[in-house]
Amino acid sequence: MREFSDEDIQKIAGTYHKWRNPDGDYEDEPGFCKSAPIERVKELDFVLTPGRYVGLPDEEDDFDFEERFTTLKAEFEEQLKEEVELNKAILENLTKIEINHGEKE
């Protein structure tokens, strides 16, 4: 749930008025607004979920896939090594457990 600020309300209202005014300077804004023709709405079975129309905002993404992948791969390899050590410790501890087969003490 989101509470709109006065700025949010002004942006929404201003966009609506630009869209309604044939001489307005309305422009689609990815992630915010899209003027879709009824044919497009029909193609999507009249489902009005906004994301189907507006998409995601155009953001500059400084995400470096190669760097992130390399980091995640290294972390995973370390976790695999740790898993081997933990499994050894568990097996060692299991061998230390004595079980009395049905004998009462």
PDB file of N, CA and C in Angstrom:
ATOM      1  N   MET A   1       0.849  -1.167   0.000  1.00  0.00           N
ATOM      2  CA  MET A   1       0.000   0.000   0.000  1.00  0.00           C
ATOM      3  C   MET A   1       0.895   1.231   0.000  1.00  0.00           C
ATOM      4  N   ARG A   2       0.523   2.210  -0.767  1.00  0.00           N
ATOM      5  CA  ARG A   2       1.327   3.422  -0.857  1.00  0.00           C
ATOM      6  C   ARG A   2       0.432   4.636  -0.669  1.00  0.00           C
ATOM      7  N   GLU A   3       0.914   5.562   0.128  1.00  0.00           N
ATOM      8  CA  GLU A   3       0.195   6.811   0.316  1.00  0.00           C
ATOM      9  C   GLU A   3       0.829   7.839  -0.620  1.00  0.00           C
ATOM     10  N   PHE A   4       0.008   8.419  -1.487  1.00  0.00           N
ATOM     11  CA  PHE A   4       0.519   9.376  -2.453  1.00  0.00           C
ATOM     12  C   PHE A   4       0.843  10.713  -1.795  1.00  0.00           C
ATOM     13  N   SER A   5       1.978  11.250  -2.183  1.00  0.00           N
ATOM     14  CA  SER A   5       2.345  12.595  -1.738  1.00  0.00           C
ATOM     15  C   SER A   5       1.620  13.603  -2.626  1.00  0.00           C
ATOM     16  N   ASP A   6       1.680  14.857  -2.236  1.00  0.00           N
ATOM     17  CA  ASP A   6       1.078  15.905  -3.075  1.00  0.00           C
ATOM     18  C   ASP A   6       1.738  15.922  -4.452  1.00  0.00           C
ATOM     19  N   GLU A   7       3.040  15.685  -4.499  1.00  0.00           N
ATOM     20  CA  GLU A   7       3.755  15.651  -5.786  1.00  0.00           C
ATOM     21  C   GLU A   7       3.266  14.500  -6.653  1.00  0.00           C
ATOM     22  N   ASP A   8       3.047  13.320  -6.042  1.00  0.00           N
ATOM     23  CA  ASP A   8       2.525  12.171  -6.784  1.00  0.00           C
ATOM     24  C   ASP A   8       1.169  12.515  -7.401  1.00  0.00           C
ATOM     25  N   ILE A   9       0.306  13.110  -6.598  1.00  0.00           N
ATOM     26  CA  ILE A   9      -1.042  13.448  -7.060  1.00  0.00           C
ATOM     27  C   ILE A   9      -0.977  14.466  -8.195  1.00  0.00           C
ATOM     28  N   GLN A  10      -0.102  15.455  -8.064  1.00  0.00           N
ATOM     29  CA  GLN A  10       0.044  16.452  -9.125  1.00  0.00           C
ATOM     30  C   GLN A  10       0.555  15.820 -10.417  1.00  0.00           C
ATOM     31  N   LYS A  11       1.485  14.890 -10.291  1.00  0.00           N
ATOM     32  CA  LYS A  11       2.033  14.225 -11.485  1.00  0.00           C
ATOM     33  C   LYS A  11       0.942  13.410 -12.175  1.00  0.00           C
ATOM     34  N   ILE A  12       0.163  12.649 -11.396  1.00  0.00           N
ATOM     35  CA  ILE A  12      -0.901  11.827 -11.964  1.00  0.00           C
ATOM     36  C   ILE A  12      -1.965  12.710 -12.627  1.00  0.00           C
ATOM     37  N   ALA A  13      -2.405  13.736 -11.916  1.00  0.00           N
ATOM     38  CA  ALA A  13      -3.439  14.627 -12.453  1.00  0.00           C
ATOM     39  C   ALA A  13      -2.931  15.353 -13.697  1.00  0.00           C
ATOM     40  N   GLY A  14      -1.704  15.838 -13.647  1.00  0.00           N
ATOM     41  CA  GLY A  14      -1.129  16.537 -14.798  1.00  0.00           C
ATOM     42  C   GLY A  14      -1.016  15.636 -16.012  1.00  0.00           C
ATOM     43  N   THR A  15      -0.617  14.392 -15.794  1.00  0.00           N
ATOM     44  CA  THR A  15      -0.505  13.432 -16.891  1.00  0.00           C
ATOM     45  C   THR A  15      -1.877  13.159 -17.493  1.00  0.00           C
ATOM     46  N   TYR A  16      -2.856  12.983 -16.636  1.00  0.00           N
ATOM     47  CA  TYR A  16      -4.225  12.755 -17.116  1.00  0.00           C
ATOM     48  C   TYR A  16      -4.704  13.929 -17.965  1.00  0.00           C
ATOM     49  N   HIS A  17      -4.489  15.156 -17.496  1.00  0.00           N
ATOM     50  CA  HIS A  17      -4.946  16.334 -18.242  1.00  0.00           C
ATOM     51  C   HIS A  17      -4.212  16.471 -19.574  1.00  0.00           C
ATOM     52  N   LYS A  18      -2.943  16.146 -19.594  1.00  0.00           N
ATOM     53  CA  LYS A  18      -2.202  16.173 -20.864  1.00  0.00           C
ATOM     54  C   LYS A  18      -2.758  15.130 -21.828  1.00  0.00           C
ATOM     55  N   TRP A  19      -3.103  13.960 -21.296  1.00  0.00           N
ATOM     56  CA  TRP A  19      -3.643  12.888 -22.122  1.00  0.00           C
ATOM     57  C   TRP A  19      -5.015  13.250 -22.684  1.00  0.00           C
ATOM     58  N   ARG A  20      -5.864  13.877 -21.853  1.00  0.00           N
ATOM     59  CA  ARG A  20      -7.217  14.243 -22.276  1.00  0.00           C
ATOM     60  C   ARG A  20      -7.236  15.401 -23.269  1.00  0.00           C
ATOM     61  N   ASN A  21      -6.246  16.257 -23.227  1.00  0.00           N
ATOM     62  CA  ASN A  21      -6.181  17.438 -24.092  1.00  0.00           C
ATOM     63  C   ASN A  21      -5.530  17.047 -25.426  1.00  0.00           C
ATOM     64  N   PRO A  22      -6.275  17.120 -26.525  1.00  0.00           N
ATOM     65  CA  PRO A  22      -5.699  16.734 -27.820  1.00  0.00           C
ATOM     66  C   PRO A  22      -4.471  17.564 -28.201  1.00  0.00           C
ATOM     67  N   ASP A  23      -4.371  18.774 -27.669  1.00  0.00           N
ATOM     68  CA  ASP A  23      -3.220  19.627 -27.964  1.00  0.00           C
ATOM     69  C   ASP A  23      -2.165  19.543 -26.871  1.00  0.00           C
ATOM     70  N   GLY A  24      -2.384  18.646 -25.892  1.00  0.00           N
ATOM     71  CA  GLY A  24      -1.450  18.515 -24.779  1.00  0.00           C
ATOM     72  C   GLY A  24      -0.163  17.841 -25.226  1.00  0.00           C
ATOM     73  N   ASP A  25       0.838  17.935 -24.378  1.00  0.00           N
ATOM     74  CA  ASP A  25       2.141  17.344 -24.725  1.00  0.00           C
ATOM     75  C   ASP A  25       2.328  16.004 -24.005  1.00  0.00           C
ATOM     76  N   TYR A  26       1.260  15.186 -24.013  1.00  0.00           N
ATOM     77  CA  TYR A  26       1.312  13.874 -23.365  1.00  0.00           C
ATOM     78  C   TYR A  26       2.327  12.976 -24.074  1.00  0.00           C
ATOM     79  N   GLU A  27       3.084  12.242 -23.269  1.00  0.00           N
ATOM     80  CA  GLU A  27       3.982  11.212 -23.784  1.00  0.00           C
ATOM     81  C   GLU A  27       3.908  10.010 -22.863  1.00  0.00           C
ATOM     82  N   ASP A  28       3.956   8.807 -23.460  1.00  0.00           N
ATOM     83  CA  ASP A  28       4.024   7.594 -22.655  1.00  0.00           C
ATOM     84  C   ASP A  28       5.310   7.631 -21.841  1.00  0.00           C
ATOM     85  N   GLU A  29       5.235   7.124 -20.610  1.00  0.00           N
ATOM     86  CA  GLU A  29       6.417   7.063 -19.747  1.00  0.00           C
ATOM     87  C   GLU A  29       6.530   5.633 -19.216  1.00  0.00           C
ATOM     88  N   PRO A  30       7.530   4.893 -19.701  1.00  0.00           N
ATOM     89  CA  PRO A  30       7.672   3.509 -19.243  1.00  0.00           C
ATOM     90  C   PRO A  30       7.664   3.425 -17.713  1.00  0.00           C
ATOM     91  N   GLY A  31       6.888   2.479 -17.206  1.00  0.00           N
ATOM     92  CA  GLY A  31       6.784   2.289 -15.771  1.00  0.00           C
ATOM     93  C   GLY A  31       5.779   3.203 -15.105  1.00  0.00           C
ATOM     94  N   PHE A  32       5.212   4.165 -15.852  1.00  0.00           N
ATOM     95  CA  PHE A  32       4.255   5.095 -15.238  1.00  0.00           C
ATOM     96  C   PHE A  32       2.945   5.194 -16.013  1.00  0.00           C
ATOM     97  N   CYS A  33       3.022   5.488 -17.320  1.00  0.00           N
ATOM     98  CA  CYS A  33       1.791   5.665 -18.079  1.00  0.00           C
ATOM     99  C   CYS A  33       1.968   5.226 -19.532  1.00  0.00           C
ATOM    100  N   LYS A  34       0.839   4.807 -20.129  1.00  0.00           N
ATOM    101  CA  LYS A  34       0.834   4.362 -21.523  1.00  0.00           C
ATOM    102  C   LYS A  34      -0.565   4.569 -22.054  1.00  0.00           C
ATOM    103  N   SER A  35      -0.674   5.186 -23.197  1.00  0.00           N
ATOM    104  CA  SER A  35      -1.957   5.348 -23.855  1.00  0.00           C
ATOM    105  C   SER A  35      -2.087   4.192 -24.845  1.00  0.00           C
ATOM    106  N   ALA A  36      -2.851   3.174 -24.448  1.00  0.00           N
ATOM    107  CA  ALA A  36      -2.984   1.971 -25.267  1.00  0.00           C
ATOM    108  C   ALA A  36      -4.303   1.996 -26.026  1.00  0.00           C
ATOM    109  N   PRO A  37      -4.263   1.646 -27.302  1.00  0.00           N
ATOM    110  CA  PRO A  37      -5.515   1.596 -28.070  1.00  0.00           C
ATOM    111  C   PRO A  37      -6.373   0.412 -27.607  1.00  0.00           C
ATOM    112  N   ILE A  38      -7.674   0.527 -27.809  1.00  0.00           N
ATOM    113  CA  ILE A  38      -8.599  -0.517 -27.365  1.00  0.00           C
ATOM    114  C   ILE A  38      -8.264  -1.872 -27.999  1.00  0.00           C
ATOM    115  N   GLU A  39      -7.680  -1.857 -29.184  1.00  0.00           N
ATOM    116  CA  GLU A  39      -7.287  -3.111 -29.844  1.00  0.00           C
ATOM    117  C   GLU A  39      -6.248  -3.858 -29.007  1.00  0.00           C
ATOM    118  N   ARG A  40      -5.340  -3.113 -28.408  1.00  0.00           N
ATOM    119  CA  ARG A  40      -4.311  -3.736 -27.555  1.00  0.00           C
ATOM    120  C   ARG A  40      -4.963  -4.314 -26.299  1.00  0.00           C
ATOM    121  N   VAL A  41      -5.903  -3.602 -25.728  1.00  0.00           N
ATOM    122  CA  VAL A  41      -6.612  -4.079 -24.545  1.00  0.00           C
ATOM    123  C   VAL A  41      -7.363  -5.363 -24.895  1.00  0.00           C
ATOM    124  N   LYS A  42      -7.978  -5.401 -26.081  1.00  0.00           N
ATOM    125  CA  LYS A  42      -8.701  -6.594 -26.521  1.00  0.00           C
ATOM    126  C   LYS A  42      -7.735  -7.771 -26.693  1.00  0.00           C
ATOM    127  N   GLU A  43      -6.557  -7.509 -27.271  1.00  0.00           N
ATOM    128  CA  GLU A  43      -5.548  -8.567 -27.450  1.00  0.00           C
ATOM    129  C   GLU A  43      -5.189  -9.212 -26.109  1.00  0.00           C
ATOM    130  N   LEU A  44      -5.205  -8.423 -25.051  1.00  0.00           N
ATOM    131  CA  LEU A  44      -4.860  -8.906 -23.717  1.00  0.00           C
ATOM    132  C   LEU A  44      -6.105  -9.322 -22.931  1.00  0.00           C
ATOM    133  N   ASP A  45      -7.170  -9.707 -23.657  1.00  0.00           N
ATOM    134  CA  ASP A  45      -8.416 -10.182 -23.053  1.00  0.00           C
ATOM    135  C   ASP A  45      -9.011  -9.195 -22.052  1.00  0.00           C
ATOM    136  N   PHE A  46      -8.841  -7.921 -22.307  1.00  0.00           N
ATOM    137  CA  PHE A  46      -9.407  -6.848 -21.501  1.00  0.00           C
ATOM    138  C   PHE A  46      -8.897  -6.847 -20.060  1.00  0.00           C
ATOM    139  N   VAL A  47      -7.755  -7.474 -19.838  1.00  0.00           N
ATOM    140  CA  VAL A  47      -7.123  -7.449 -18.519  1.00  0.00           C
ATOM    141  C   VAL A  47      -6.418  -6.106 -18.386  1.00  0.00           C
ATOM    142  N   LEU A  48      -6.710  -5.395 -17.323  1.00  0.00           N
ATOM    143  CA  LEU A  48      -6.189  -4.029 -17.173  1.00  0.00           C
ATOM    144  C   LEU A  48      -5.042  -3.926 -16.177  1.00  0.00           C
ATOM    145  N   THR A  49      -4.303  -4.986 -15.986  1.00  0.00           N
ATOM    146  CA  THR A  49      -3.141  -4.940 -15.112  1.00  0.00           C
ATOM    147  C   THR A  49      -2.136  -3.952 -15.712  1.00  0.00           C
ATOM    148  N   PRO A  50      -1.784  -2.894 -14.987  1.00  0.00           N
ATOM    149  CA  PRO A  50      -0.946  -1.835 -15.563  1.00  0.00           C
ATOM    150  C   PRO A  50       0.372  -2.311 -16.164  1.00  0.00           C
ATOM    151  N   GLY A  51       1.027  -3.269 -15.510  1.00  0.00           N
ATOM    152  CA  GLY A  51       2.328  -3.724 -15.990  1.00  0.00           C
ATOM    153  C   GLY A  51       2.299  -4.276 -17.402  1.00  0.00           C
ATOM    154  N   ARG A  52       1.152  -4.788 -17.828  1.00  0.00           N
ATOM    155  CA  ARG A  52       1.033  -5.314 -19.191  1.00  0.00           C
ATOM    156  C   ARG A  52       1.153  -4.197 -20.228  1.00  0.00           C
ATOM    157  N   TYR A  53       0.898  -2.993 -19.817  1.00  0.00           N
ATOM    158  CA  TYR A  53       0.895  -1.872 -20.751  1.00  0.00           C
ATOM    159  C   TYR A  53       2.075  -0.933 -20.538  1.00  0.00           C
ATOM    160  N   VAL A  54       2.283  -0.537 -19.291  1.00  0.00           N
ATOM    161  CA  VAL A  54       3.308   0.476 -19.040  1.00  0.00           C
ATOM    162  C   VAL A  54       4.713  -0.097 -18.983  1.00  0.00           C
ATOM    163  N   GLY A  55       4.844  -1.383 -18.662  1.00  0.00           N
ATOM    164  CA  GLY A  55       6.170  -1.991 -18.578  1.00  0.00           C
ATOM    165  C   GLY A  55       6.946  -1.480 -17.382  1.00  0.00           C
ATOM    166  N   LEU A  56       8.260  -1.542 -17.504  1.00  0.00           N
ATOM    167  CA  LEU A  56       9.145  -1.098 -16.440  1.00  0.00           C
ATOM    168  C   LEU A  56       9.785   0.229 -16.810  1.00  0.00           C
ATOM    169  N   PRO A  57      10.119   1.030 -15.807  1.00  0.00           N
ATOM    170  CA  PRO A  57      10.760   2.323 -16.109  1.00  0.00           C
ATOM    171  C   PRO A  57      12.122   2.125 -16.750  1.00  0.00           C
ATOM    172  N   ASP A  58      12.454   3.054 -17.644  1.00  0.00           N
ATOM    173  CA  ASP A  58      13.792   3.041 -18.232  1.00  0.00           C
ATOM    174  C   ASP A  58      14.746   3.614 -17.203  1.00  0.00           C
ATOM    175  N   GLU A  59      15.561   2.769 -16.640  1.00  0.00           N
ATOM    176  CA  GLU A  59      16.532   3.225 -15.657  1.00  0.00           C
ATOM    177  C   GLU A  59      17.916   2.871 -16.141  1.00  0.00           C
ATOM    178  N   GLU A  60      18.826   3.746 -15.858  1.00  0.00           N
ATOM    179  CA  GLU A  60      20.200   3.424 -16.178  1.00  0.00           C
ATOM    180  C   GLU A  60      20.647   2.355 -15.213  1.00  0.00           C
ATOM    181  N   ASP A  61      21.099   1.271 -15.765  1.00  0.00           N
ATOM    182  CA  ASP A  61      21.473   0.134 -14.947  1.00  0.00           C
ATOM    183  C   ASP A  61      22.984   0.003 -14.953  1.00  0.00           C
ATOM    184  N   ASP A  62      23.587   0.201 -13.787  1.00  0.00           N
ATOM    185  CA  ASP A  62      25.041   0.068 -13.705  1.00  0.00           C
ATOM    186  C   ASP A  62      25.420  -1.334 -13.258  1.00  0.00           C
ATOM    187  N   PHE A  63      24.479  -2.263 -13.433  1.00  0.00           N
ATOM    188  CA  PHE A  63      24.687  -3.655 -13.060  1.00  0.00           C
ATOM    189  C   PHE A  63      25.716  -4.286 -13.988  1.00  0.00           C
ATOM    190  N   ASP A  64      26.773  -4.814 -13.412  1.00  0.00           N
ATOM    191  CA  ASP A  64      27.819  -5.479 -14.187  1.00  0.00           C
ATOM    192  C   ASP A  64      27.628  -6.977 -14.021  1.00  0.00           C
ATOM    193  N   PHE A  65      27.011  -7.597 -15.033  1.00  0.00           N
ATOM    194  CA  PHE A  65      26.679  -9.015 -14.945  1.00  0.00           C
ATOM    195  C   PHE A  65      27.920  -9.865 -14.719  1.00  0.00           C
ATOM    196  N   GLU A  66      28.971  -9.620 -15.478  1.00  0.00           N
ATOM    197  CA  GLU A  66      30.176 -10.446 -15.370  1.00  0.00           C
ATOM    198  C   GLU A  66      30.763 -10.383 -13.960  1.00  0.00           C
ATOM    199  N   GLU A  67      30.823  -9.187 -13.399  1.00  0.00           N
ATOM    200  CA  GLU A  67      31.349  -9.025 -12.045  1.00  0.00           C
ATOM    201  C   GLU A  67      30.460  -9.734 -11.027  1.00  0.00           C
ATOM    202  N   ARG A  68      29.166  -9.547 -11.154  1.00  0.00           N
ATOM    203  CA  ARG A  68      28.225 -10.166 -10.215  1.00  0.00           C
ATOM    204  C   ARG A  68      28.261 -11.692 -10.323  1.00  0.00           C
ATOM    205  N   PHE A  69      28.317 -12.195 -11.556  1.00  0.00           N
ATOM    206  CA  PHE A  69      28.369 -13.633 -11.772  1.00  0.00           C
ATOM    207  C   PHE A  69      29.634 -14.223 -11.158  1.00  0.00           C
ATOM    208  N   THR A  70      30.759 -13.568 -11.369  1.00  0.00           N
ATOM    209  CA  THR A  70      32.038 -14.035 -10.829  1.00  0.00           C
ATOM    210  C   THR A  70      31.981 -14.080  -9.305  1.00  0.00           C
ATOM    211  N   THR A  71      31.424 -13.046  -8.707  1.00  0.00           N
ATOM    212  CA  THR A  71      31.300 -12.995  -7.243  1.00  0.00           C
ATOM    213  C   THR A  71      30.407 -14.118  -6.729  1.00  0.00           C
ATOM    214  N   LEU A  72      29.252 -14.293  -7.365  1.00  0.00           N
ATOM    215  CA  LEU A  72      28.331 -15.342  -6.932  1.00  0.00           C
ATOM    216  C   LEU A  72      28.923 -16.733  -7.123  1.00  0.00           C
ATOM    217  N   LYS A  73      29.655 -16.916  -8.206  1.00  0.00           N
ATOM    218  CA  LYS A  73      30.281 -18.216  -8.473  1.00  0.00           C
ATOM    219  C   LYS A  73      31.306 -18.529  -7.382  1.00  0.00           C
ATOM    220  N   ALA A  74      32.118 -17.540  -7.033  1.00  0.00           N
ATOM    221  CA  ALA A  74      33.137 -17.737  -5.995  1.00  0.00           C
ATOM    222  C   ALA A  74      32.474 -18.061  -4.649  1.00  0.00           C
ATOM    223  N   GLU A  75      31.389 -17.348  -4.325  1.00  0.00           N
ATOM    224  CA  GLU A  75      30.671 -17.623  -3.079  1.00  0.00           C
ATOM    225  C   GLU A  75      30.112 -19.045  -3.077  1.00  0.00           C
ATOM    226  N   PHE A  76      29.574 -19.459  -4.207  1.00  0.00           N
ATOM    227  CA  PHE A  76      29.005 -20.801  -4.318  1.00  0.00           C
ATOM    228  C   PHE A  76      30.084 -21.865  -4.144  1.00  0.00           C
ATOM    229  N   GLU A  77      31.245 -21.652  -4.773  1.00  0.00           N
ATOM    230  CA  GLU A  77      32.344 -22.608  -4.644  1.00  0.00           C
ATOM    231  C   GLU A  77      32.793 -22.728  -3.192  1.00  0.00           C
ATOM    232  N   GLU A  78      32.835 -21.602  -2.470  1.00  0.00           N
ATOM    233  CA  GLU A  78      33.193 -21.635  -1.057  1.00  0.00           C
ATOM    234  C   GLU A  78      32.145 -22.406  -0.252  1.00  0.00           C
ATOM    235  N   GLN A  79      30.892 -22.203  -0.597  1.00  0.00           N
ATOM    236  CA  GLN A  79      29.825 -22.915   0.104  1.00  0.00           C
ATOM    237  C   GLN A  79      29.898 -24.420  -0.156  1.00  0.00           C
ATOM    238  N   LEU A  80      30.280 -24.805  -1.359  1.00  0.00           N
ATOM    239  CA  LEU A  80      30.444 -26.232  -1.654  1.00  0.00           C
ATOM    240  C   LEU A  80      31.566 -26.837  -0.817  1.00  0.00           C
ATOM    241  N   LYS A  81      32.668 -26.097  -0.669  1.00  0.00           N
ATOM    242  CA  LYS A  81      33.775 -26.576   0.164  1.00  0.00           C
ATOM    243  C   LYS A  81      33.320 -26.712   1.618  1.00  0.00           C
ATOM    244  N   GLU A  82      32.584 -25.725   2.080  1.00  0.00           N
ATOM    245  CA  GLU A  82      32.081 -25.750   3.455  1.00  0.00           C
ATOM    246  C   GLU A  82      31.129 -26.934   3.650  1.00  0.00           C
ATOM    247  N   GLU A  83      30.323 -27.215   2.632  1.00  0.00           N
ATOM    248  CA  GLU A  83      29.400 -28.350   2.709  1.00  0.00           C
ATOM    249  C   GLU A  83      30.170 -29.654   2.919  1.00  0.00           C
ATOM    250  N   VAL A  84      31.258 -29.838   2.185  1.00  0.00           N
ATOM    251  CA  VAL A  84      32.065 -31.055   2.311  1.00  0.00           C
ATOM    252  C   VAL A  84      32.587 -31.179   3.746  1.00  0.00           C
ATOM    253  N   GLU A  85      33.104 -30.076   4.295  1.00  0.00           N
ATOM    254  CA  GLU A  85      33.636 -30.096   5.653  1.00  0.00           C
ATOM    255  C   GLU A  85      32.534 -30.389   6.678  1.00  0.00           C
ATOM    256  N   LEU A  86      31.384 -29.780   6.497  1.00  0.00           N
ATOM    257  CA  LEU A  86      30.276 -30.018   7.414  1.00  0.00           C
ATOM    258  C   LEU A  86      29.795 -31.466   7.343  1.00  0.00           C
ATOM    259  N   ASN A  87      29.725 -32.012   6.144  1.00  0.00           N
ATOM    260  CA  ASN A  87      29.318 -33.413   6.000  1.00  0.00           C
ATOM    261  C   ASN A  87      30.316 -34.350   6.689  1.00  0.00           C
ATOM    262  N   LYS A  88      31.605 -34.046   6.586  1.00  0.00           N
ATOM    263  CA  LYS A  88      32.621 -34.854   7.283  1.00  0.00           C
ATOM    264  C   LYS A  88      32.394 -34.794   8.795  1.00  0.00           C
ATOM    265  N   ALA A  89      32.175 -33.598   9.308  1.00  0.00           N
ATOM    266  CA  ALA A  89      31.964 -33.425  10.748  1.00  0.00           C
ATOM    267  C   ALA A  89      30.717 -34.174  11.212  1.00  0.00           C
ATOM    268  N   ILE A  90      29.671 -34.128  10.427  1.00  0.00           N
ATOM    269  CA  ILE A  90      28.438 -34.834  10.790  1.00  0.00           C
ATOM    270  C   ILE A  90      28.699 -36.331  10.832  1.00  0.00           C
ATOM    271  N   LEU A  91      29.379 -36.864   9.807  1.00  0.00           N
ATOM    272  CA  LEU A  91      29.672 -38.296   9.785  1.00  0.00           C
ATOM    273  C   LEU A  91      30.544 -38.712  10.961  1.00  0.00           C
ATOM    274  N   GLU A  92      31.537 -37.894  11.295  1.00  0.00           N
ATOM    275  CA  GLU A  92      32.400 -38.194  12.435  1.00  0.00           C
ATOM    276  C   GLU A  92      31.584 -38.233  13.729  1.00  0.00           C
ATOM    277  N   ASN A  93      30.690 -37.286  13.887  1.00  0.00           N
ATOM    278  CA  ASN A  93      29.862 -37.242  15.091  1.00  0.00           C
ATOM    279  C   ASN A  93      28.880 -38.403  15.143  1.00  0.00           C
ATOM    280  N   LEU A  94      28.385 -38.815  14.000  1.00  0.00           N
ATOM    281  CA  LEU A  94      27.466 -39.948  13.978  1.00  0.00           C
ATOM    282  C   LEU A  94      28.153 -41.240  14.403  1.00  0.00           C
ATOM    283  N   THR A  95      29.438 -41.382  14.066  1.00  0.00           N
ATOM    284  CA  THR A  95      30.149 -42.605  14.457  1.00  0.00           C
ATOM    285  C   THR A  95      30.383 -42.652  15.963  1.00  0.00           C
ATOM    286  N   LYS A  96      30.315 -41.527  16.632  1.00  0.00           N
ATOM    287  CA  LYS A  96      30.543 -41.474  18.078  1.00  0.00           C
ATOM    288  C   LYS A  96      29.292 -41.839  18.880  1.00  0.00           C
ATOM    289  N   ILE A  97      28.167 -41.911  18.204  1.00  0.00           N
ATOM    290  CA  ILE A  97      26.927 -42.207  18.912  1.00  0.00           C
ATOM    291  C   ILE A  97      26.826 -43.714  19.114  1.00  0.00           C
ATOM    292  N   GLU A  98      26.629 -44.078  20.374  1.00  0.00           N
ATOM    293  CA  GLU A  98      26.472 -45.503  20.699  1.00  0.00           C
ATOM    294  C   GLU A  98      24.998 -45.805  20.831  1.00  0.00           C
ATOM    295  N   ILE A  99      24.599 -46.888  20.202  1.00  0.00           N
ATOM    296  CA  ILE A  99      23.200 -47.290  20.274  1.00  0.00           C
ATOM    297  C   ILE A  99      23.128 -48.639  20.958  1.00  0.00           C
ATOM    298  N   ASN A 100      22.328 -48.699  21.987  1.00  0.00           N
ATOM    299  CA  ASN A 100      22.083 -49.961  22.673  1.00  0.00           C
ATOM    300  C   ASN A 100      20.903 -50.621  21.983  1.00  0.00           C
ATOM    301  N   HIS A 101      21.134 -51.722  21.344  1.00  0.00           N
ATOM    302  CA  HIS A 101      20.094 -52.402  20.578  1.00  0.00           C
ATOM    303  C   HIS A 101      19.110 -53.121  21.486  1.00  0.00           C
ATOM    304  N   GLY A 102      18.107 -52.392  21.919  1.00  0.00           N
ATOM    305  CA  GLY A 102      17.047 -52.980  22.718  1.00  0.00           C
ATOM    306  C   GLY A 102      17.438 -53.283  24.171  1.00  0.00           C
ATOM    307  N   GLU A 103      18.627 -52.957  24.575  1.00  0.00           N
ATOM    308  CA  GLU A 103      19.059 -53.225  25.933  1.00  0.00           C
ATOM    309  C   GLU A 103      18.599 -52.104  26.850  1.00  0.00           C
ATOM    310  N   LYS A 104      18.095 -52.478  28.030  1.00  0.00           N
ATOM    311  CA  LYS A 104      17.650 -51.485  28.991  1.00  0.00           C
ATOM    312  C   LYS A 104      18.743 -51.275  30.009  1.00  0.00           C
ATOM    313  N   GLU A 105      18.891 -50.067  30.413  1.00  0.00           N
ATOM    314  CA  GLU A 105      19.915 -49.777  31.416  1.00  0.00           C
ATOM    315  C   GLU A 105      19.333 -49.641  32.776  1.00  0.00           C
TER     316      GLU A 105
END
